[in-house]
N, C-alpha and C. Protein backbone atom coordinates (compact mmCIF):
# COMPACT_ATOMS: atom_id res chain seq x y z
N UNK A 1 -7.12 11.81 -5.02
CA UNK A 1 -6.05 12.55 -5.63
C UNK A 1 -5.55 11.76 -6.84
N UNK A 2 -5.42 12.40 -7.97
CA UNK A 2 -4.95 11.77 -9.19
C UNK A 2 -3.45 11.95 -9.30
N UNK A 3 -2.76 10.87 -9.56
CA UNK A 3 -1.31 10.91 -9.71
C UNK A 3 -0.99 10.93 -11.20
N UNK A 4 -0.09 11.81 -11.59
CA UNK A 4 0.33 11.93 -12.98
C UNK A 4 1.85 11.99 -13.03
N UNK A 5 2.41 11.87 -14.22
CA UNK A 5 3.86 11.90 -14.36
C UNK A 5 4.46 13.23 -13.91
N UNK A 6 3.64 14.28 -13.84
CA UNK A 6 4.14 15.56 -13.34
C UNK A 6 4.59 15.44 -11.88
N UNK A 7 4.12 14.39 -11.19
CA UNK A 7 4.48 14.17 -9.79
C UNK A 7 5.81 13.42 -9.65
N UNK A 8 6.49 13.16 -10.77
CA UNK A 8 7.70 12.34 -10.74
C UNK A 8 8.79 13.01 -9.90
N UNK A 9 9.25 12.30 -8.87
CA UNK A 9 10.27 12.83 -7.96
C UNK A 9 11.60 12.10 -8.08
N UNK A 10 11.65 11.05 -8.86
CA UNK A 10 12.84 10.22 -8.96
C UNK A 10 12.46 8.76 -8.82
N UNK A 11 13.45 7.89 -8.73
CA UNK A 11 13.14 6.47 -8.70
C UNK A 11 13.15 5.85 -7.32
N UNK A 12 13.21 6.65 -6.27
CA UNK A 12 13.17 6.13 -4.90
C UNK A 12 11.73 6.16 -4.38
N UNK A 13 11.13 4.99 -4.16
CA UNK A 13 9.73 4.94 -3.72
C UNK A 13 9.45 5.71 -2.43
N UNK A 14 10.42 5.76 -1.53
CA UNK A 14 10.22 6.47 -0.27
C UNK A 14 9.97 7.95 -0.45
N UNK A 15 10.49 8.54 -1.52
CA UNK A 15 10.28 9.96 -1.78
C UNK A 15 8.80 10.28 -1.96
N UNK A 16 8.06 9.37 -2.57
CA UNK A 16 6.64 9.59 -2.82
C UNK A 16 5.85 9.53 -1.52
N UNK A 17 6.23 8.62 -0.64
CA UNK A 17 5.58 8.54 0.67
C UNK A 17 5.88 9.80 1.48
N UNK A 18 7.13 10.25 1.46
CA UNK A 18 7.50 11.45 2.21
C UNK A 18 6.72 12.66 1.73
N UNK A 19 6.52 12.76 0.43
CA UNK A 19 5.76 13.89 -0.14
C UNK A 19 4.32 13.86 0.36
N UNK A 20 3.70 12.69 0.33
CA UNK A 20 2.31 12.57 0.79
C UNK A 20 2.22 12.88 2.29
N UNK A 21 3.14 12.35 3.08
CA UNK A 21 3.12 12.61 4.52
C UNK A 21 3.27 14.10 4.80
N UNK A 22 4.15 14.75 4.06
CA UNK A 22 4.34 16.20 4.24
C UNK A 22 3.05 16.95 3.89
N UNK A 23 2.43 16.57 2.77
CA UNK A 23 1.19 17.22 2.36
C UNK A 23 0.07 16.99 3.36
N UNK A 24 0.08 15.84 4.02
CA UNK A 24 -0.94 15.52 5.03
C UNK A 24 -0.62 16.14 6.39
N UNK A 25 0.60 16.64 6.56
CA UNK A 25 1.01 17.20 7.84
C UNK A 25 1.33 16.13 8.87
N UNK A 26 1.65 14.92 8.40
CA UNK A 26 1.98 13.81 9.30
C UNK A 26 3.49 13.68 9.38
N UNK A 27 4.01 13.77 10.60
CA UNK A 27 5.47 13.74 10.76
C UNK A 27 5.96 12.62 11.67
N UNK A 28 5.19 12.29 12.67
CA UNK A 28 5.66 11.32 13.65
C UNK A 28 4.73 10.11 13.71
N UNK A 29 5.32 8.93 13.90
CA UNK A 29 4.49 7.74 14.07
C UNK A 29 3.71 7.81 15.37
N UNK A 30 2.63 7.16 15.49
CA UNK A 30 2.07 6.28 14.46
C UNK A 30 1.35 7.09 13.38
N UNK A 31 1.63 6.74 12.15
CA UNK A 31 0.96 7.34 11.00
C UNK A 31 -0.34 6.58 10.79
N UNK A 32 -1.42 7.30 10.64
CA UNK A 32 -2.73 6.68 10.46
C UNK A 32 -2.93 6.28 9.00
N UNK A 33 -3.08 5.00 8.76
CA UNK A 33 -3.27 4.51 7.39
C UNK A 33 -4.55 5.02 6.76
N UNK A 34 -5.57 5.24 7.56
CA UNK A 34 -6.84 5.74 7.03
C UNK A 34 -6.69 7.19 6.55
N UNK A 35 -5.91 7.99 7.27
CA UNK A 35 -5.67 9.37 6.87
C UNK A 35 -4.96 9.42 5.52
N UNK A 36 -3.96 8.57 5.35
CA UNK A 36 -3.21 8.53 4.09
C UNK A 36 -4.13 8.06 2.96
N UNK A 37 -4.87 6.99 3.19
CA UNK A 37 -5.79 6.47 2.16
C UNK A 37 -6.83 7.52 1.79
N UNK A 38 -7.40 8.20 2.78
CA UNK A 38 -8.39 9.25 2.50
C UNK A 38 -7.78 10.36 1.65
N UNK A 39 -6.58 10.79 2.01
CA UNK A 39 -5.90 11.84 1.26
C UNK A 39 -5.72 11.44 -0.20
N UNK A 40 -5.42 10.18 -0.43
CA UNK A 40 -5.19 9.68 -1.79
C UNK A 40 -6.49 9.36 -2.52
N UNK A 41 -7.62 9.50 -1.83
CA UNK A 41 -8.90 9.20 -2.46
C UNK A 41 -9.19 7.72 -2.56
N UNK A 42 -8.58 6.93 -1.69
CA UNK A 42 -8.78 5.48 -1.67
C UNK A 42 -9.71 5.12 -0.52
N UNK A 43 -10.71 4.31 -0.81
CA UNK A 43 -11.60 3.85 0.25
C UNK A 43 -11.14 2.47 0.71
N UNK A 44 -10.96 2.33 2.02
CA UNK A 44 -10.54 1.06 2.59
C UNK A 44 -11.80 0.31 3.03
N UNK A 45 -11.95 -0.92 2.52
CA UNK A 45 -13.10 -1.76 2.84
C UNK A 45 -12.61 -3.10 3.37
N UNK A 46 -13.08 -3.47 4.55
CA UNK A 46 -12.75 -4.79 5.08
C UNK A 46 -13.72 -5.81 4.51
N UNK A 47 -13.18 -6.97 4.13
CA UNK A 47 -13.97 -8.04 3.54
C UNK A 47 -14.08 -9.15 4.58
N UNK A 48 -15.30 -9.48 4.96
CA UNK A 48 -15.54 -10.52 5.97
C UNK A 48 -15.28 -11.90 5.38
N UNK A 49 -14.89 -12.83 6.23
CA UNK A 49 -14.60 -14.19 5.79
C UNK A 49 -15.79 -14.85 5.09
N UNK A 50 -17.00 -14.58 5.56
CA UNK A 50 -18.16 -15.20 4.91
C UNK A 50 -18.33 -14.71 3.47
N UNK A 51 -17.93 -13.47 3.20
CA UNK A 51 -17.97 -12.96 1.83
C UNK A 51 -16.85 -13.57 1.00
N UNK A 52 -15.70 -13.73 1.61
CA UNK A 52 -14.56 -14.31 0.90
C UNK A 52 -14.87 -15.75 0.48
N UNK A 53 -15.50 -16.50 1.36
CA UNK A 53 -15.79 -17.92 1.08
C UNK A 53 -16.74 -18.09 -0.10
N UNK A 54 -17.55 -17.08 -0.39
CA UNK A 54 -18.50 -17.19 -1.51
C UNK A 54 -17.84 -17.01 -2.86
N UNK A 55 -16.67 -16.43 -2.88
CA UNK A 55 -16.00 -16.15 -4.14
C UNK A 55 -14.66 -16.87 -4.20
N UNK A 56 -14.61 -17.92 -4.99
CA UNK A 56 -13.42 -18.76 -5.06
C UNK A 56 -12.17 -17.97 -5.44
N UNK A 57 -12.29 -17.06 -6.40
CA UNK A 57 -11.14 -16.27 -6.85
C UNK A 57 -10.57 -15.41 -5.74
N UNK A 58 -11.43 -14.75 -5.00
CA UNK A 58 -10.98 -13.88 -3.90
C UNK A 58 -10.37 -14.72 -2.80
N UNK A 59 -10.98 -15.87 -2.51
CA UNK A 59 -10.47 -16.74 -1.45
C UNK A 59 -9.03 -17.15 -1.76
N UNK A 60 -8.77 -17.50 -3.01
CA UNK A 60 -7.43 -17.91 -3.41
C UNK A 60 -6.45 -16.75 -3.27
N UNK A 61 -6.87 -15.56 -3.68
CA UNK A 61 -6.02 -14.38 -3.60
C UNK A 61 -5.66 -14.07 -2.15
N UNK A 62 -6.65 -14.12 -1.26
CA UNK A 62 -6.41 -13.73 0.12
C UNK A 62 -5.63 -14.76 0.92
N UNK A 63 -5.38 -15.93 0.35
CA UNK A 63 -4.48 -16.88 1.00
C UNK A 63 -3.04 -16.37 0.87
N UNK A 64 -2.80 -15.57 -0.15
CA UNK A 64 -1.46 -15.06 -0.43
C UNK A 64 -1.28 -13.66 0.12
N UNK A 65 -2.22 -12.78 -0.15
CA UNK A 65 -2.14 -11.39 0.30
C UNK A 65 -3.38 -11.09 1.12
N UNK A 66 -3.29 -10.09 1.97
CA UNK A 66 -4.47 -9.76 2.78
C UNK A 66 -5.13 -8.47 2.32
N UNK A 67 -4.57 -7.82 1.29
CA UNK A 67 -5.18 -6.59 0.79
C UNK A 67 -4.85 -6.45 -0.69
N UNK A 68 -5.72 -5.76 -1.40
CA UNK A 68 -5.44 -5.46 -2.80
C UNK A 68 -6.13 -4.19 -3.20
N UNK A 69 -5.51 -3.49 -4.15
CA UNK A 69 -5.99 -2.22 -4.66
C UNK A 69 -6.68 -2.46 -5.99
N UNK A 70 -7.85 -1.89 -6.15
CA UNK A 70 -8.56 -2.02 -7.42
C UNK A 70 -9.29 -0.72 -7.73
N UNK A 71 -9.39 -0.43 -9.00
CA UNK A 71 -10.13 0.76 -9.45
C UNK A 71 -11.27 0.28 -10.32
N UNK A 72 -12.47 0.72 -10.01
CA UNK A 72 -13.66 0.34 -10.76
C UNK A 72 -13.83 1.26 -11.97
N UNK A 73 -14.63 0.82 -12.95
CA UNK A 73 -14.83 1.64 -14.16
C UNK A 73 -15.32 3.07 -13.88
N UNK A 74 -16.00 3.27 -12.74
CA UNK A 74 -16.46 4.62 -12.41
C UNK A 74 -15.34 5.51 -11.88
N UNK A 75 -14.11 4.96 -11.78
CA UNK A 75 -12.96 5.74 -11.35
C UNK A 75 -12.67 5.68 -9.86
N UNK A 76 -13.57 5.09 -9.08
CA UNK A 76 -13.34 4.99 -7.63
C UNK A 76 -12.36 3.85 -7.34
N UNK A 77 -11.42 4.13 -6.45
CA UNK A 77 -10.42 3.13 -6.09
C UNK A 77 -10.65 2.66 -4.66
N UNK A 78 -10.45 1.38 -4.47
CA UNK A 78 -10.67 0.74 -3.17
C UNK A 78 -9.48 -0.11 -2.80
N UNK A 79 -9.22 -0.16 -1.51
CA UNK A 79 -8.29 -1.14 -0.97
C UNK A 79 -9.16 -2.11 -0.18
N UNK A 80 -9.22 -3.34 -0.63
CA UNK A 80 -9.98 -4.37 0.08
C UNK A 80 -9.01 -5.11 1.00
N UNK A 81 -9.45 -5.33 2.25
CA UNK A 81 -8.60 -5.95 3.26
C UNK A 81 -9.36 -7.10 3.91
N UNK A 82 -8.68 -8.22 4.08
CA UNK A 82 -9.25 -9.37 4.78
C UNK A 82 -9.48 -8.96 6.24
N UNK A 83 -10.72 -9.04 6.70
CA UNK A 83 -11.07 -8.56 8.04
C UNK A 83 -10.42 -9.36 9.16
N UNK A 84 -9.97 -10.58 8.88
CA UNK A 84 -9.39 -11.42 9.93
C UNK A 84 -7.87 -11.30 10.04
N UNK A 85 -7.30 -10.42 9.27
CA UNK A 85 -5.86 -10.21 9.31
C UNK A 85 -5.48 -9.43 10.56
N UNK A 86 -4.31 -9.75 11.12
CA UNK A 86 -3.83 -9.03 12.30
C UNK A 86 -3.70 -7.54 11.98
N UNK A 87 -3.99 -6.71 12.96
CA UNK A 87 -3.99 -5.25 12.79
C UNK A 87 -2.69 -4.73 12.19
N UNK A 88 -1.56 -5.20 12.68
CA UNK A 88 -0.27 -4.71 12.21
C UNK A 88 -0.07 -5.03 10.73
N UNK A 89 -0.45 -6.23 10.32
CA UNK A 89 -0.31 -6.61 8.91
C UNK A 89 -1.29 -5.82 8.04
N UNK A 90 -2.49 -5.56 8.54
CA UNK A 90 -3.45 -4.74 7.80
C UNK A 90 -2.85 -3.37 7.51
N UNK A 91 -2.25 -2.77 8.54
CA UNK A 91 -1.66 -1.44 8.37
C UNK A 91 -0.59 -1.45 7.28
N UNK A 92 0.34 -2.40 7.35
CA UNK A 92 1.39 -2.46 6.34
C UNK A 92 0.82 -2.73 4.96
N UNK A 93 -0.18 -3.58 4.88
CA UNK A 93 -0.78 -3.91 3.59
C UNK A 93 -1.50 -2.71 2.98
N UNK A 94 -2.18 -1.95 3.81
CA UNK A 94 -2.85 -0.74 3.32
C UNK A 94 -1.81 0.26 2.82
N UNK A 95 -0.74 0.45 3.60
CA UNK A 95 0.32 1.36 3.16
C UNK A 95 0.99 0.86 1.88
N UNK A 96 1.16 -0.45 1.75
CA UNK A 96 1.72 -1.04 0.54
C UNK A 96 0.86 -0.68 -0.67
N UNK A 97 -0.47 -0.83 -0.52
CA UNK A 97 -1.37 -0.51 -1.62
C UNK A 97 -1.37 0.99 -1.91
N UNK A 98 -1.24 1.81 -0.87
CA UNK A 98 -1.09 3.26 -1.07
C UNK A 98 0.17 3.54 -1.88
N UNK A 99 1.23 2.75 -1.64
CA UNK A 99 2.46 2.89 -2.39
C UNK A 99 2.23 2.68 -3.87
N UNK A 100 1.48 1.62 -4.23
CA UNK A 100 1.16 1.41 -5.64
C UNK A 100 0.45 2.63 -6.21
N UNK A 101 -0.38 3.26 -5.41
CA UNK A 101 -1.16 4.40 -5.88
C UNK A 101 -0.31 5.65 -6.12
N UNK A 102 0.72 5.88 -5.30
CA UNK A 102 1.49 7.12 -5.41
C UNK A 102 2.71 7.04 -6.31
N UNK A 103 3.21 5.85 -6.57
CA UNK A 103 4.38 5.71 -7.43
C UNK A 103 3.92 5.83 -8.88
N UNK A 104 4.35 6.88 -9.58
CA UNK A 104 3.78 7.17 -10.91
C UNK A 104 3.88 6.02 -11.91
N UNK A 105 4.98 5.30 -11.93
CA UNK A 105 5.13 4.24 -12.93
C UNK A 105 4.35 2.98 -12.57
N UNK A 106 3.63 2.97 -11.45
CA UNK A 106 2.75 1.85 -11.10
C UNK A 106 1.34 2.08 -11.63
N UNK A 107 1.02 3.31 -12.01
CA UNK A 107 -0.33 3.62 -12.50
C UNK A 107 -0.65 2.81 -13.74
N UNK A 108 -1.86 2.25 -13.75
CA UNK A 108 -2.33 1.49 -14.91
C UNK A 108 -1.90 0.04 -14.92
N UNK A 109 -1.21 -0.41 -13.88
CA UNK A 109 -0.78 -1.81 -13.81
C UNK A 109 -1.68 -2.59 -12.86
N UNK A 110 -1.74 -3.89 -13.09
CA UNK A 110 -2.47 -4.78 -12.19
C UNK A 110 -1.56 -5.06 -11.00
N UNK A 111 -2.04 -4.75 -9.81
CA UNK A 111 -1.20 -4.93 -8.62
C UNK A 111 -1.58 -6.16 -7.82
N UNK A 112 -2.32 -7.05 -8.42
CA UNK A 112 -2.67 -8.29 -7.75
C UNK A 112 -1.48 -9.22 -7.88
N UNK A 113 -0.94 -9.62 -6.76
CA UNK A 113 0.29 -10.41 -6.83
C UNK A 113 0.06 -11.84 -6.36
N UNK A 114 0.94 -12.69 -6.82
CA UNK A 114 0.88 -14.09 -6.39
C UNK A 114 1.97 -14.31 -5.35
N UNK A 115 2.03 -15.52 -4.82
CA UNK A 115 2.94 -15.83 -3.72
C UNK A 115 4.40 -15.55 -4.08
N UNK A 116 4.83 -15.90 -5.28
CA UNK A 116 6.22 -15.67 -5.67
C UNK A 116 6.55 -14.19 -5.82
N UNK A 117 5.53 -13.38 -6.11
CA UNK A 117 5.76 -11.95 -6.27
C UNK A 117 6.13 -11.27 -4.97
N UNK A 118 5.69 -11.81 -3.86
CA UNK A 118 5.88 -11.12 -2.58
C UNK A 118 6.72 -11.89 -1.58
N UNK A 119 7.19 -13.06 -1.93
CA UNK A 119 8.00 -13.87 -1.02
C UNK A 119 9.34 -13.20 -0.79
N UNK A 120 9.58 -12.67 0.43
CA UNK A 120 10.83 -11.93 0.67
C UNK A 120 12.07 -12.81 0.59
N UNK A 121 11.93 -14.13 0.69
CA UNK A 121 13.08 -15.02 0.59
C UNK A 121 13.41 -15.36 -0.85
N UNK A 122 12.52 -15.00 -1.76
CA UNK A 122 12.71 -15.30 -3.17
C UNK A 122 13.50 -14.19 -3.84
N UNK A 123 14.43 -14.55 -4.69
CA UNK A 123 15.17 -13.54 -5.45
C UNK A 123 14.33 -13.01 -6.58
N UNK A 124 13.20 -13.66 -6.83
CA UNK A 124 12.36 -13.28 -7.96
C UNK A 124 11.24 -12.33 -7.54
N UNK A 125 11.37 -11.70 -6.39
CA UNK A 125 10.32 -10.79 -5.95
C UNK A 125 10.11 -9.73 -7.03
N UNK A 126 8.86 -9.53 -7.36
CA UNK A 126 8.51 -8.58 -8.40
C UNK A 126 8.98 -7.18 -8.01
N UNK A 127 9.67 -6.51 -8.92
CA UNK A 127 10.24 -5.20 -8.61
C UNK A 127 9.18 -4.22 -8.15
N UNK A 128 8.02 -4.21 -8.80
CA UNK A 128 6.96 -3.27 -8.41
C UNK A 128 6.47 -3.58 -6.99
N UNK A 129 6.46 -4.84 -6.62
CA UNK A 129 6.03 -5.19 -5.26
C UNK A 129 7.06 -4.71 -4.24
N UNK A 130 8.33 -4.86 -4.56
CA UNK A 130 9.38 -4.37 -3.66
C UNK A 130 9.28 -2.85 -3.51
N UNK A 131 9.04 -2.15 -4.61
CA UNK A 131 8.91 -0.70 -4.56
C UNK A 131 7.71 -0.30 -3.70
N UNK A 132 6.59 -1.01 -3.85
CA UNK A 132 5.40 -0.70 -3.04
C UNK A 132 5.67 -0.97 -1.56
N UNK A 133 6.42 -2.03 -1.25
CA UNK A 133 6.78 -2.30 0.15
C UNK A 133 7.71 -1.21 0.68
N UNK A 134 8.66 -0.76 -0.15
CA UNK A 134 9.55 0.33 0.28
C UNK A 134 8.75 1.60 0.59
N UNK A 135 7.83 1.92 -0.29
CA UNK A 135 7.00 3.11 -0.09
C UNK A 135 6.11 2.92 1.14
N UNK A 136 5.51 1.74 1.27
CA UNK A 136 4.65 1.45 2.42
C UNK A 136 5.42 1.50 3.73
N UNK A 137 6.67 1.04 3.71
CA UNK A 137 7.50 1.09 4.92
C UNK A 137 7.77 2.54 5.33
N UNK A 138 7.97 3.38 4.34
CA UNK A 138 8.20 4.81 4.63
C UNK A 138 6.94 5.43 5.24
N UNK A 139 5.77 5.04 4.75
CA UNK A 139 4.52 5.52 5.35
C UNK A 139 4.42 5.05 6.81
N UNK A 140 4.71 3.78 7.02
CA UNK A 140 4.56 3.18 8.34
C UNK A 140 5.53 3.76 9.36
N UNK A 141 6.79 3.88 8.95
CA UNK A 141 7.82 4.40 9.85
C UNK A 141 8.72 5.32 9.04
N UNK A 142 8.38 6.62 8.99
CA UNK A 142 9.19 7.56 8.21
C UNK A 142 10.67 7.50 8.61
N UNK A 143 11.52 7.33 7.62
CA UNK A 143 12.95 7.13 7.83
C UNK A 143 13.58 8.26 8.64
N UNK A 144 13.23 9.49 8.31
CA UNK A 144 13.85 10.64 8.99
C UNK A 144 13.60 10.59 10.50
N UNK A 145 12.38 10.38 10.90
CA UNK A 145 12.06 10.31 12.32
C UNK A 145 12.66 9.09 12.98
N UNK A 146 12.71 7.98 12.24
CA UNK A 146 13.29 6.76 12.78
C UNK A 146 14.78 6.94 13.08
N UNK A 147 15.49 7.54 12.14
CA UNK A 147 16.93 7.74 12.33
C UNK A 147 17.18 8.69 13.50
N UNK A 148 16.42 9.79 13.57
CA UNK A 148 16.57 10.73 14.69
C UNK A 148 16.33 10.03 16.01
N UNK A 149 15.28 9.21 16.07
CA UNK A 149 14.95 8.49 17.30
C UNK A 149 16.04 7.48 17.65
N UNK A 150 16.53 6.76 16.65
CA UNK A 150 17.55 5.75 16.88
C UNK A 150 18.86 6.37 17.36
N UNK A 151 19.17 7.56 16.88
CA UNK A 151 20.42 8.23 17.27
C UNK A 151 20.33 8.94 18.61
N UNK A 152 19.11 9.15 19.12
CA UNK A 152 18.97 9.91 20.37
C UNK A 152 19.24 9.04 21.59
């Protein structure tokens, strides 16, 4: 699915996740990260440790993050995930990368982040990374259902 400025819903990242979930017919957790990625036209590929060790650049990146979104010149987009990452973190990381994909003002930017960009204790967390985490959190646990469940 191609995202364009015509999809602009406002500046709240969660709105974009809610729109995708509605379009996918997903309402209640657990939300399947593969379903969301497929809907967005993103292929999720796990990268084995032996492959990571062969490439110094990737090895350094995966010490900080366990997933990253990239688009190849042929237009295909992939989310690469470290295969040894805990399942729960993989899910959040995939949803985070889906967030970069659906937020219109993230299109065309490099989403490879360094440690300071994603450190939640740092005041210098990159705004785009925070927005992607907000969107990813909405994918993982839709706010509407969470609030209803918490109030029941």
